Amino acid sequence: MLNNEIANIDGKQLAYIRFNEWKNEVILFFHGFTSSKECFPEIREKNKCILSFDRPGIGESSVVEYYSMENFLANTYEVLKSHNVTSIKLVGHSAGGYYAQLFAQMYPETVKSLSLISSMAPLNCPKTRKIVNGQWKFISFLSLRAKMFSRIYFKQMAKSINENYEKQLEKNMRFLPDVEKNFMKENPQMIKKSILNAVANEGLGVLYDAYALCQKREAIKISPTIPVYIWHGIEDTTIPISFVKYFESEYAVKQVHKLEQVGHMLYLPYWNEIIEEII
């Protein structure tokens, strides 16, 4: 059963979704950029608790100007502690994979595994500067050096999606492999709600998420006792395959899955396989 819940921290709302009842051990999912907490399928395992949080300004989470990744993760951890969670298995998709990596560095004593799906590596980091693609270099430039234009850019993006959702979705789906395209066609309400929640508040959530992601940071250090699982689609045109090599060089990678005929949204059709690997 899916439960939409809201925590209040320092006068701000932090919205999250909970699948199944609270447990001492949870699976914590971090959604991707321009996505939101609803964007994960149900699982066959009915006795596992899965949580997914909207970042500030996404959905019903309060807008927080120019927040840091660390601040959002600390608030997330506070909610988990309040429910006596002592063991966490992390799953992060795309930009959510970056959040998951940082969470593992911040709270190693509670993290039992880390699954990175089509995952972003630290963006503004000396070790990754040469492998970050042009799209994120552009977003970094806007976020850090042209904040006024960044606000206009993301506000216009949100307006376009809200006013022309079906047209924008059809445009984006043209580039997806069939297995991902079919999943999205079979689950239209989940996809629509996730995307529209992402661009709520005139796109301010995406604006400040981009800012948080683009902050300068040294390489993340993850305890070698935390096993890392990598999932990456060969046809992914959003996150380069070179990020997989980076993860293998930096973390205690236990398993790498490079899947043919899938791209950036591979986790949607492969969700149960991803979860089964860590439980």
C-alpha atoms as a PDB file:
ATOM      1  CA  MET A   1       0.000   0.000   0.000  1.00  0.00           C
ATOM      2  CA  LEU A   2       1.249   3.484  -0.930  1.00  0.00           C
ATOM      3  CA  ASN A   3       1.009   6.193   1.726  1.00  0.00           C
ATOM      4  CA  ASN A   4       1.594   9.879   0.965  1.00  0.00           C
ATOM      5  CA  GLU A   5       2.974  11.578   4.067  1.00  0.00           C
ATOM      6  CA  ILE A   6       4.460  14.925   5.081  1.00  0.00           C
ATOM      7  CA  ALA A   7       7.054  15.665   7.754  1.00  0.00           C
ATOM      8  CA  ASN A   8       7.454  19.164   9.191  1.00  0.00           C
ATOM      9  CA  ILE A   9      11.054  20.189   9.835  1.00  0.00           C
ATOM     10  CA  ASP A  10      11.982  23.705  10.938  1.00  0.00           C
ATOM     11  CA  GLY A  11       8.678  25.029   9.646  1.00  0.00           C
ATOM     12  CA  LYS A  12       9.084  23.445   6.209  1.00  0.00           C
ATOM     13  CA  GLN A  13       7.173  20.550   4.660  1.00  0.00           C
ATOM     14  CA  LEU A  14       9.068  17.500   3.415  1.00  0.00           C
ATOM     15  CA  ALA A  15       6.773  15.235   1.396  1.00  0.00           C
ATOM     16  CA  TYR A  16       7.457  11.546   0.927  1.00  0.00           C
ATOM     17  CA  ILE A  17       5.774   8.353  -0.145  1.00  0.00           C
ATOM     18  CA  ARG A  18       5.908   5.120   1.843  1.00  0.00           C
ATOM     19  CA  PHE A  19       5.263   1.700   0.364  1.00  0.00           C
ATOM     20  CA  ASN A  20       4.250  -0.826   3.066  1.00  0.00           C
ATOM     21  CA  GLU A  21       4.567  -0.381   6.829  1.00  0.00           C
ATOM     22  CA  TRP A  22       7.561   1.166   8.603  1.00  0.00           C
ATOM     23  CA  LYS A  23      10.386  -1.274   9.410  1.00  0.00           C
ATOM     24  CA  ASN A  24      13.741  -0.952  11.157  1.00  0.00           C
ATOM     25  CA  GLU A  25      15.263  -1.620   7.733  1.00  0.00           C
ATOM     26  CA  VAL A  26      14.054   0.403   4.747  1.00  0.00           C
ATOM     27  CA  ILE A  27      14.844   0.823   1.078  1.00  0.00           C
ATOM     28  CA  LEU A  28      15.384   4.512   0.399  1.00  0.00           C
ATOM     29  CA  PHE A  29      14.886   5.628  -3.204  1.00  0.00           C
ATOM     30  CA  PHE A  30      16.175   8.950  -4.567  1.00  0.00           C
ATOM     31  CA  HIS A  31      14.377  10.101  -7.716  1.00  0.00           C
ATOM     32  CA  GLY A  32      16.038  11.633 -10.736  1.00  0.00           C
ATOM     33  CA  PHE A  33      16.226  15.216 -11.987  1.00  0.00           C
ATOM     34  CA  THR A  34      12.856  16.591 -13.240  1.00  0.00           C
ATOM     35  CA  SER A  35      11.147  13.658 -11.541  1.00  0.00           C
ATOM     36  CA  SER A  36       9.490  13.148  -8.162  1.00  0.00           C
ATOM     37  CA  LYS A  37       8.789  10.675  -5.390  1.00  0.00           C
ATOM     38  CA  GLU A  38       5.998   8.759  -7.173  1.00  0.00           C
ATOM     39  CA  CYS A  39       8.182   7.548 -10.005  1.00  0.00           C
ATOM     40  CA  PHE A  40       8.847   3.963  -8.970  1.00  0.00           C
ATOM     41  CA  PRO A  41       6.762   0.817  -9.547  1.00  0.00           C
ATOM     42  CA  GLU A  42       5.325  -1.357  -6.807  1.00  0.00           C
ATOM     43  CA  ILE A  43       7.341  -4.444  -5.896  1.00  0.00           C
ATOM     44  CA  ARG A  44       6.385  -8.067  -5.498  1.00  0.00           C
ATOM     45  CA  GLU A  45       7.942  -8.133  -2.004  1.00  0.00           C
ATOM     46  CA  LYS A  46       5.114  -6.964   0.250  1.00  0.00           C
ATOM     47  CA  ASN A  47       6.955  -6.981   3.583  1.00  0.00           C
ATOM     48  CA  LYS A  48       9.636  -4.456   2.612  1.00  0.00           C
ATOM     49  CA  CYS A  49       9.304  -0.755   3.367  1.00  0.00           C
ATOM     50  CA  ILE A  50      10.294   1.594   0.530  1.00  0.00           C
ATOM     51  CA  LEU A  51      10.538   5.357   0.979  1.00  0.00           C
ATOM     52  CA  SER A  52      10.932   8.113  -1.577  1.00  0.00           C
ATOM     53  CA  PHE A  53      11.224  11.841  -0.739  1.00  0.00           C
ATOM     54  CA  ASP A  54      10.449  14.885  -2.854  1.00  0.00           C
ATOM     55  CA  ARG A  55      13.282  17.369  -2.751  1.00  0.00           C
ATOM     56  CA  PRO A  56      12.481  20.989  -1.755  1.00  0.00           C
ATOM     57  CA  GLY A  57      10.037  22.651  -4.143  1.00  0.00           C
ATOM     58  CA  ILE A  58       9.004  19.362  -5.721  1.00  0.00           C
ATOM     59  CA  GLY A  59       5.343  18.387  -5.249  1.00  0.00           C
ATOM     60  CA  GLU A  60       4.208  19.263  -1.729  1.00  0.00           C
ATOM     61  CA  SER A  61       7.723  19.775  -0.322  1.00  0.00           C
ATOM     62  CA  SER A  62       8.231  23.404   0.619  1.00  0.00           C
ATOM     63  CA  VAL A  63      10.407  25.576  -1.599  1.00  0.00           C
ATOM     64  CA  VAL A  64      13.818  26.199  -0.040  1.00  0.00           C
ATOM     65  CA  GLU A  65      16.030  28.660  -1.878  1.00  0.00           C
ATOM     66  CA  TYR A  66      19.553  27.576  -2.764  1.00  0.00           C
ATOM     67  CA  TYR A  67      19.630  24.627  -0.382  1.00  0.00           C
ATOM     68  CA  SER A  68      22.511  22.157  -0.196  1.00  0.00           C
ATOM     69  CA  MET A  69      22.386  18.448  -0.878  1.00  0.00           C
ATOM     70  CA  GLU A  70      23.691  17.897   2.650  1.00  0.00           C
ATOM     71  CA  ASN A  71      20.810  19.859   4.184  1.00  0.00           C
ATOM     72  CA  PHE A  72      18.163  17.891   2.297  1.00  0.00           C
ATOM     73  CA  LEU A  73      19.815  14.584   3.217  1.00  0.00           C
ATOM     74  CA  ALA A  74      20.080  15.577   6.879  1.00  0.00           C
ATOM     75  CA  ASN A  75      16.344  16.305   6.916  1.00  0.00           C
ATOM     76  CA  THR A  76      15.628  12.984   5.243  1.00  0.00           C
ATOM     77  CA  TYR A  77      17.734  11.186   7.820  1.00  0.00           C
ATOM     78  CA  GLU A  78      15.894  12.998  10.629  1.00  0.00           C
ATOM     79  CA  VAL A  79      12.590  11.570   9.373  1.00  0.00           C
ATOM     80  CA  LEU A  80      14.066   8.058   9.243  1.00  0.00           C
ATOM     81  CA  LYS A  81      15.456   8.347  12.783  1.00  0.00           C
ATOM     82  CA  SER A  82      12.083   9.507  14.079  1.00  0.00           C
ATOM     83  CA  HIS A  83      10.663   6.172  12.888  1.00  0.00           C
ATOM     84  CA  ASN A  84      13.472   4.121  14.454  1.00  0.00           C
ATOM     85  CA  VAL A  85      15.102   3.157  11.170  1.00  0.00           C
ATOM     86  CA  THR A  86      18.530   1.623  11.793  1.00  0.00           C
ATOM     87  CA  SER A  87      19.328  -0.034   8.458  1.00  0.00           C
ATOM     88  CA  ILE A  88      19.074   1.577   5.017  1.00  0.00           C
ATOM     89  CA  LYS A  89      19.491   0.166   1.523  1.00  0.00           C
ATOM     90  CA  LEU A  90      19.943   3.005  -0.929  1.00  0.00           C
ATOM     91  CA  VAL A  91      18.684   3.094  -4.510  1.00  0.00           C
ATOM     92  CA  GLY A  92      19.302   6.173  -6.648  1.00  0.00           C
ATOM     93  CA  HIS A  93      18.340   6.928 -10.240  1.00  0.00           C
ATOM     94  CA  SER A  94      20.192   9.510 -12.326  1.00  0.00           C
ATOM     95  CA  ALA A  95      20.679  12.661 -10.188  1.00  0.00           C
ATOM     96  CA  GLY A  96      19.181  10.656  -7.328  1.00  0.00           C
ATOM     97  CA  GLY A  97      22.214   8.408  -7.577  1.00  0.00           C
ATOM     98  CA  TYR A  98      24.391  11.402  -6.702  1.00  0.00           C
ATOM     99  CA  TYR A  99      22.230  12.074  -3.638  1.00  0.00           C
ATOM    100  CA  ALA A 100      22.467   8.399  -2.682  1.00  0.00           C
ATOM    101  CA  GLN A 101      26.277   8.453  -2.895  1.00  0.00           C
ATOM    102  CA  LEU A 102      26.479  11.488  -0.632  1.00  0.00           C
ATOM    103  CA  PHE A 103      24.011   9.929   1.819  1.00  0.00           C
ATOM    104  CA  ALA A 104      26.251   6.843   2.010  1.00  0.00           C
ATOM    105  CA  GLN A 105      29.230   9.065   2.837  1.00  0.00           C
ATOM    106  CA  MET A 106      27.295  11.005   5.481  1.00  0.00           C
ATOM    107  CA  TYR A 107      25.685   8.036   7.272  1.00  0.00           C
ATOM    108  CA  PRO A 108      27.880   4.971   6.660  1.00  0.00           C
ATOM    109  CA  GLU A 109      26.865   3.306   9.929  1.00  0.00           C
ATOM    110  CA  THR A 110      23.276   2.852   8.716  1.00  0.00           C
ATOM    111  CA  VAL A 111      23.815   2.143   5.002  1.00  0.00           C
ATOM    112  CA  LYS A 112      23.908  -1.540   4.085  1.00  0.00           C
ATOM    113  CA  SER A 113      24.045  -1.280   0.283  1.00  0.00           C
ATOM    114  CA  LEU A 114      24.002   1.252  -2.550  1.00  0.00           C
ATOM    115  CA  SER A 115      22.369   0.653  -5.938  1.00  0.00           C
ATOM    116  CA  LEU A 116      23.192   3.234  -8.621  1.00  0.00           C
ATOM    117  CA  ILE A 117      20.901   3.203 -11.660  1.00  0.00           C
ATOM    118  CA  SER A 118      21.861   5.272 -14.697  1.00  0.00           C
ATOM    119  CA  SER A 119      23.574   7.317 -12.027  1.00  0.00           C
ATOM    120  CA  MET A 120      25.161  10.700 -12.130  1.00  0.00           C
ATOM    121  CA  ALA A 121      28.654  11.036 -10.686  1.00  0.00           C
ATOM    122  CA  PRO A 122      29.616  14.127  -8.664  1.00  0.00           C
ATOM    123  CA  LEU A 123      29.328  16.963 -11.185  1.00  0.00           C
ATOM    124  CA  ASN A 124      31.568  19.778 -10.056  1.00  0.00           C
ATOM    125  CA  CYS A 125      34.483  17.652  -8.890  1.00  0.00           C
ATOM    126  CA  PRO A 126      38.116  17.576 -10.055  1.00  0.00           C
ATOM    127  CA  LYS A 127      37.972  13.818 -10.708  1.00  0.00           C
ATOM    128  CA  THR A 128      34.887  13.980 -12.949  1.00  0.00           C
ATOM    129  CA  ARG A 129      35.315  17.264 -14.787  1.00  0.00           C
ATOM    130  CA  LYS A 130      36.468  15.573 -17.989  1.00  0.00           C
ATOM    131  CA  ILE A 131      33.601  13.082 -18.169  1.00  0.00           C
ATOM    132  CA  VAL A 132      30.628  15.371 -17.434  1.00  0.00           C
ATOM    133  CA  ASN A 133      28.614  15.897 -20.622  1.00  0.00           C
ATOM    134  CA  GLY A 134      27.715  19.175 -22.297  1.00  0.00           C
ATOM    135  CA  GLN A 135      24.135  19.274 -21.035  1.00  0.00           C
ATOM    136  CA  TRP A 136      25.229  19.326 -17.398  1.00  0.00           C
ATOM    137  CA  LYS A 137      28.052  21.760 -18.089  1.00  0.00           C
ATOM    138  CA  PHE A 138      25.387  24.105 -19.481  1.00  0.00           C
ATOM    139  CA  ILE A 139      23.122  23.607 -16.445  1.00  0.00           C
ATOM    140  CA  SER A 140      26.098  24.170 -14.137  1.00  0.00           C
ATOM    141  CA  PHE A 141      26.922  27.423 -15.911  1.00  0.00           C
ATOM    142  CA  LEU A 142      23.330  28.632 -15.570  1.00  0.00           C
ATOM    143  CA  SER A 143      23.028  27.553 -11.932  1.00  0.00           C
ATOM    144  CA  LEU A 144      26.296  29.012 -10.688  1.00  0.00           C
ATOM    145  CA  ARG A 145      27.041  31.956 -12.963  1.00  0.00           C
ATOM    146  CA  ALA A 146      23.740  33.061 -14.482  1.00  0.00           C
ATOM    147  CA  LYS A 147      21.117  32.630 -11.771  1.00  0.00           C
ATOM    148  CA  MET A 148      18.641  35.041 -13.352  1.00  0.00           C
ATOM    149  CA  PHE A 149      18.729  33.173 -16.664  1.00  0.00           C
ATOM    150  CA  SER A 150      18.575  29.865 -14.803  1.00  0.00           C
ATOM    151  CA  ARG A 151      15.330  30.975 -13.149  1.00  0.00           C
ATOM    152  CA  ILE A 152      13.876  31.984 -16.524  1.00  0.00           C
ATOM    153  CA  TYR A 153      15.045  28.731 -18.154  1.00  0.00           C
ATOM    154  CA  PHE A 154      13.466  26.406 -15.590  1.00  0.00           C
ATOM    155  CA  LYS A 155      10.314  28.509 -15.237  1.00  0.00           C
ATOM    156  CA  GLN A 156       9.794  28.314 -18.989  1.00  0.00           C
ATOM    157  CA  MET A 157      10.474  24.565 -18.957  1.00  0.00           C
ATOM    158  CA  ALA A 158       7.856  24.082 -16.210  1.00  0.00           C
ATOM    159  CA  LYS A 159       5.323  26.226 -18.064  1.00  0.00           C
ATOM    160  CA  SER A 160       5.831  24.277 -21.281  1.00  0.00           C
ATOM    161  CA  ILE A 161       5.352  20.922 -19.533  1.00  0.00           C
ATOM    162  CA  ASN A 162       2.287  22.072 -17.575  1.00  0.00           C
ATOM    163  CA  GLU A 163       0.583  23.583 -20.613  1.00  0.00           C
ATOM    164  CA  ASN A 164       1.603  20.961 -23.166  1.00  0.00           C
ATOM    165  CA  TYR A 165       2.174  17.801 -21.133  1.00  0.00           C
ATOM    166  CA  GLU A 166       1.064  15.253 -23.735  1.00  0.00           C
ATOM    167  CA  LYS A 167       3.039  16.929 -26.512  1.00  0.00           C
ATOM    168  CA  GLN A 168       6.211  17.156 -24.405  1.00  0.00           C
ATOM    169  CA  LEU A 169       5.886  13.544 -23.272  1.00  0.00           C
ATOM    170  CA  GLU A 170       5.427  12.306 -26.812  1.00  0.00           C
ATOM    171  CA  LYS A 171       8.481  14.289 -27.907  1.00  0.00           C
ATOM    172  CA  ASN A 172      10.664  12.803 -25.162  1.00  0.00           C
ATOM    173  CA  MET A 173       9.373   9.255 -25.611  1.00  0.00           C
ATOM    174  CA  ARG A 174      10.481   9.190 -29.243  1.00  0.00           C
ATOM    175  CA  PHE A 175      14.056   8.671 -28.104  1.00  0.00           C
ATOM    176  CA  LEU A 176      13.345   5.872 -25.603  1.00  0.00           C
ATOM    177  CA  PRO A 177      13.998   2.186 -26.268  1.00  0.00           C
ATOM    178  CA  ASP A 178      10.819   0.128 -26.699  1.00  0.00           C
ATOM    179  CA  VAL A 179      10.901  -1.560 -23.282  1.00  0.00           C
ATOM    180  CA  GLU A 180      10.904   1.797 -21.476  1.00  0.00           C
ATOM    181  CA  LYS A 181       8.401   3.353 -23.870  1.00  0.00           C
ATOM    182  CA  ASN A 182       6.011   0.444 -23.348  1.00  0.00           C
ATOM    183  CA  PHE A 183       6.262   0.710 -19.551  1.00  0.00           C
ATOM    184  CA  MET A 184       5.397   4.399 -19.675  1.00  0.00           C
ATOM    185  CA  LYS A 185       2.432   3.766 -21.966  1.00  0.00           C
ATOM    186  CA  GLU A 186       1.168   1.061 -19.585  1.00  0.00           C
ATOM    187  CA  ASN A 187       1.552   3.320 -16.509  1.00  0.00           C
ATOM    188  CA  PRO A 188       0.449   6.758 -17.753  1.00  0.00           C
ATOM    189  CA  GLN A 189      -0.933   8.075 -14.456  1.00  0.00           C
ATOM    190  CA  MET A 190       2.225   7.300 -12.480  1.00  0.00           C
ATOM    191  CA  ILE A 191       4.404   8.983 -15.103  1.00  0.00           C
ATOM    192  CA  LYS A 192       2.143  12.023 -15.442  1.00  0.00           C
ATOM    193  CA  LYS A 193       1.836  12.623 -11.704  1.00  0.00           C
ATOM    194  CA  SER A 194       5.578  12.265 -11.230  1.00  0.00           C
ATOM    195  CA  ILE A 195       6.454  14.738 -13.973  1.00  0.00           C
ATOM    196  CA  LEU A 196       3.817  17.327 -13.060  1.00  0.00           C
ATOM    197  CA  ASN A 197       4.849  17.193  -9.390  1.00  0.00           C
ATOM    198  CA  ALA A 198       8.448  17.759 -10.479  1.00  0.00           C
ATOM    199  CA  VAL A 199       7.557  21.038 -12.182  1.00  0.00           C
ATOM    200  CA  ALA A 200       5.166  22.279  -9.488  1.00  0.00           C
ATOM    201  CA  ASN A 201       5.803  25.722  -7.978  1.00  0.00           C
ATOM    202  CA  GLU A 202       6.693  27.160 -11.403  1.00  0.00           C
ATOM    203  CA  GLY A 203       9.774  24.957 -11.659  1.00  0.00           C
ATOM    204  CA  LEU A 204      11.452  26.308  -8.518  1.00  0.00           C
ATOM    205  CA  GLY A 205      12.087  22.795  -7.206  1.00  0.00           C
ATOM    206  CA  VAL A 206      14.031  21.867 -10.342  1.00  0.00           C
ATOM    207  CA  LEU A 207      15.822  25.222 -10.295  1.00  0.00           C
ATOM    208  CA  TYR A 208      17.142  24.756  -6.754  1.00  0.00           C
ATOM    209  CA  ASP A 209      17.789  21.053  -7.281  1.00  0.00           C
ATOM    210  CA  ALA A 210      20.084  21.962 -10.169  1.00  0.00           C
ATOM    211  CA  TYR A 211      21.856  24.506  -7.981  1.00  0.00           C
ATOM    212  CA  ALA A 212      22.400  21.922  -5.227  1.00  0.00           C
ATOM    213  CA  LEU A 213      23.707  19.324  -7.674  1.00  0.00           C
ATOM    214  CA  CYS A 214      26.160  21.727  -9.300  1.00  0.00           C
ATOM    215  CA  GLN A 215      27.982  22.859  -6.150  1.00  0.00           C
ATOM    216  CA  LYS A 216      31.724  22.239  -6.073  1.00  0.00           C
ATOM    217  CA  ARG A 217      32.620  19.136  -4.079  1.00  0.00           C
ATOM    218  CA  GLU A 218      35.594  16.866  -3.642  1.00  0.00           C
ATOM    219  CA  ALA A 219      35.261  13.199  -4.563  1.00  0.00           C
ATOM    220  CA  ILE A 220      32.797  11.291  -2.389  1.00  0.00           C
ATOM    221  CA  LYS A 221      34.256   8.659  -0.087  1.00  0.00           C
ATOM    222  CA  ILE A 222      32.112   5.597   0.556  1.00  0.00           C
ATOM    223  CA  SER A 223      33.097   2.959   3.097  1.00  0.00           C
ATOM    224  CA  PRO A 224      34.468  -0.196   1.416  1.00  0.00           C
ATOM    225  CA  THR A 225      32.121  -2.181   3.664  1.00  0.00           C
ATOM    226  CA  ILE A 226      29.148  -0.859   1.663  1.00  0.00           C
ATOM    227  CA  PRO A 227      28.551  -3.003  -1.445  1.00  0.00           C
ATOM    228  CA  VAL A 228      27.701  -1.019  -4.564  1.00  0.00           C
ATOM    229  CA  TYR A 229      25.541  -2.325  -7.414  1.00  0.00           C
ATOM    230  CA  ILE A 230      25.578  -0.623 -10.806  1.00  0.00           C
ATOM    231  CA  TRP A 231      22.800  -0.696 -13.410  1.00  0.00           C
ATOM    232  CA  HIS A 232      23.343   1.084 -16.732  1.00  0.00           C
ATOM    233  CA  GLY A 233      21.628   0.916 -20.116  1.00  0.00           C
ATOM    234  CA  ILE A 234      23.852   0.683 -23.162  1.00  0.00           C
ATOM    235  CA  GLU A 235      21.503   3.049 -25.020  1.00  0.00           C
ATOM    236  CA  ASP A 236      21.551   5.695 -22.271  1.00  0.00           C
ATOM    237  CA  THR A 237      22.090   9.068 -23.947  1.00  0.00           C
ATOM    238  CA  THR A 238      21.720  11.082 -20.724  1.00  0.00           C
ATOM    239  CA  ILE A 239      24.406   9.584 -18.478  1.00  0.00           C
ATOM    240  CA  PRO A 240      27.638   8.487 -20.193  1.00  0.00           C
ATOM    241  CA  ILE A 241      28.965   4.959 -19.715  1.00  0.00           C
ATOM    242  CA  SER A 242      32.225   6.540 -18.524  1.00  0.00           C
ATOM    243  CA  PHE A 243      30.499   7.192 -15.182  1.00  0.00           C
ATOM    244  CA  VAL A 244      30.356   3.428 -14.628  1.00  0.00           C
ATOM    245  CA  LYS A 245      34.143   3.244 -14.956  1.00  0.00           C
ATOM    246  CA  TYR A 246      34.431   6.096 -12.462  1.00  0.00           C
ATOM    247  CA  PHE A 247      32.292   4.245  -9.908  1.00  0.00           C
ATOM    248  CA  GLU A 248      34.330   1.081 -10.376  1.00  0.00           C
ATOM    249  CA  SER A 249      37.518   3.013  -9.656  1.00  0.00           C
ATOM    250  CA  GLU A 250      36.153   4.798  -6.571  1.00  0.00           C
ATOM    251  CA  TYR A 251      33.769   2.427  -4.757  1.00  0.00           C
ATOM    252  CA  ALA A 252      33.531  -1.191  -3.624  1.00  0.00           C
ATOM    253  CA  VAL A 253      31.482  -2.270  -6.633  1.00  0.00           C
ATOM    254  CA  LYS A 254      30.093  -5.770  -6.187  1.00  0.00           C
ATOM    255  CA  GLN A 255      28.134  -6.123  -9.430  1.00  0.00           C
ATOM    256  CA  VAL A 256      27.790  -4.198 -12.691  1.00  0.00           C
ATOM    257  CA  HIS A 257      24.781  -4.712 -14.951  1.00  0.00           C
ATOM    258  CA  LYS A 258      25.210  -3.277 -18.451  1.00  0.00           C
ATOM    259  CA  LEU A 259      21.931  -3.950 -20.204  1.00  0.00           C
ATOM    260  CA  GLU A 260      21.357  -4.065 -23.960  1.00  0.00           C
ATOM    261  CA  GLN A 261      18.372  -2.349 -25.599  1.00  0.00           C
ATOM    262  CA  VAL A 262      17.579  -0.147 -22.594  1.00  0.00           C
ATOM    263  CA  GLY A 263      18.447   3.452 -21.823  1.00  0.00           C
ATOM    264  CA  HIS A 264      18.226   6.014 -19.064  1.00  0.00           C
ATOM    265  CA  MET A 265      14.875   4.867 -17.636  1.00  0.00           C
ATOM    266  CA  LEU A 266      15.857   1.199 -17.379  1.00  0.00           C
ATOM    267  CA  TYR A 267      14.856   1.007 -13.723  1.00  0.00           C
ATOM    268  CA  LEU A 268      11.155   1.207 -14.564  1.00  0.00           C
ATOM    269  CA  PRO A 269      10.914  -2.170 -16.350  1.00  0.00           C
ATOM    270  CA  TYR A 270      13.709  -3.702 -14.219  1.00  0.00           C
ATOM    271  CA  TRP A 271      12.543  -2.440 -10.810  1.00  0.00           C
ATOM    272  CA  ASN A 272      11.845  -5.835  -9.262  1.00  0.00           C
ATOM    273  CA  GLU A 273      15.206  -7.220 -10.383  1.00  0.00           C
ATOM    274  CA  ILE A 274      16.994  -4.213  -8.869  1.00  0.00           C
ATOM    275  CA  ILE A 275      15.205  -4.632  -5.538  1.00  0.00           C
ATOM    276  CA  GLU A 276      15.610  -8.408  -5.436  1.00  0.00           C
ATOM    277  CA  GLU A 277      19.369  -8.044  -5.814  1.00  0.00           C
ATOM    278  CA  ILE A 278      19.659  -6.154  -2.520  1.00  0.00           C
ATOM    279  CA  ILE A 279      17.142  -8.096  -0.449  1.00  0.00           C
END
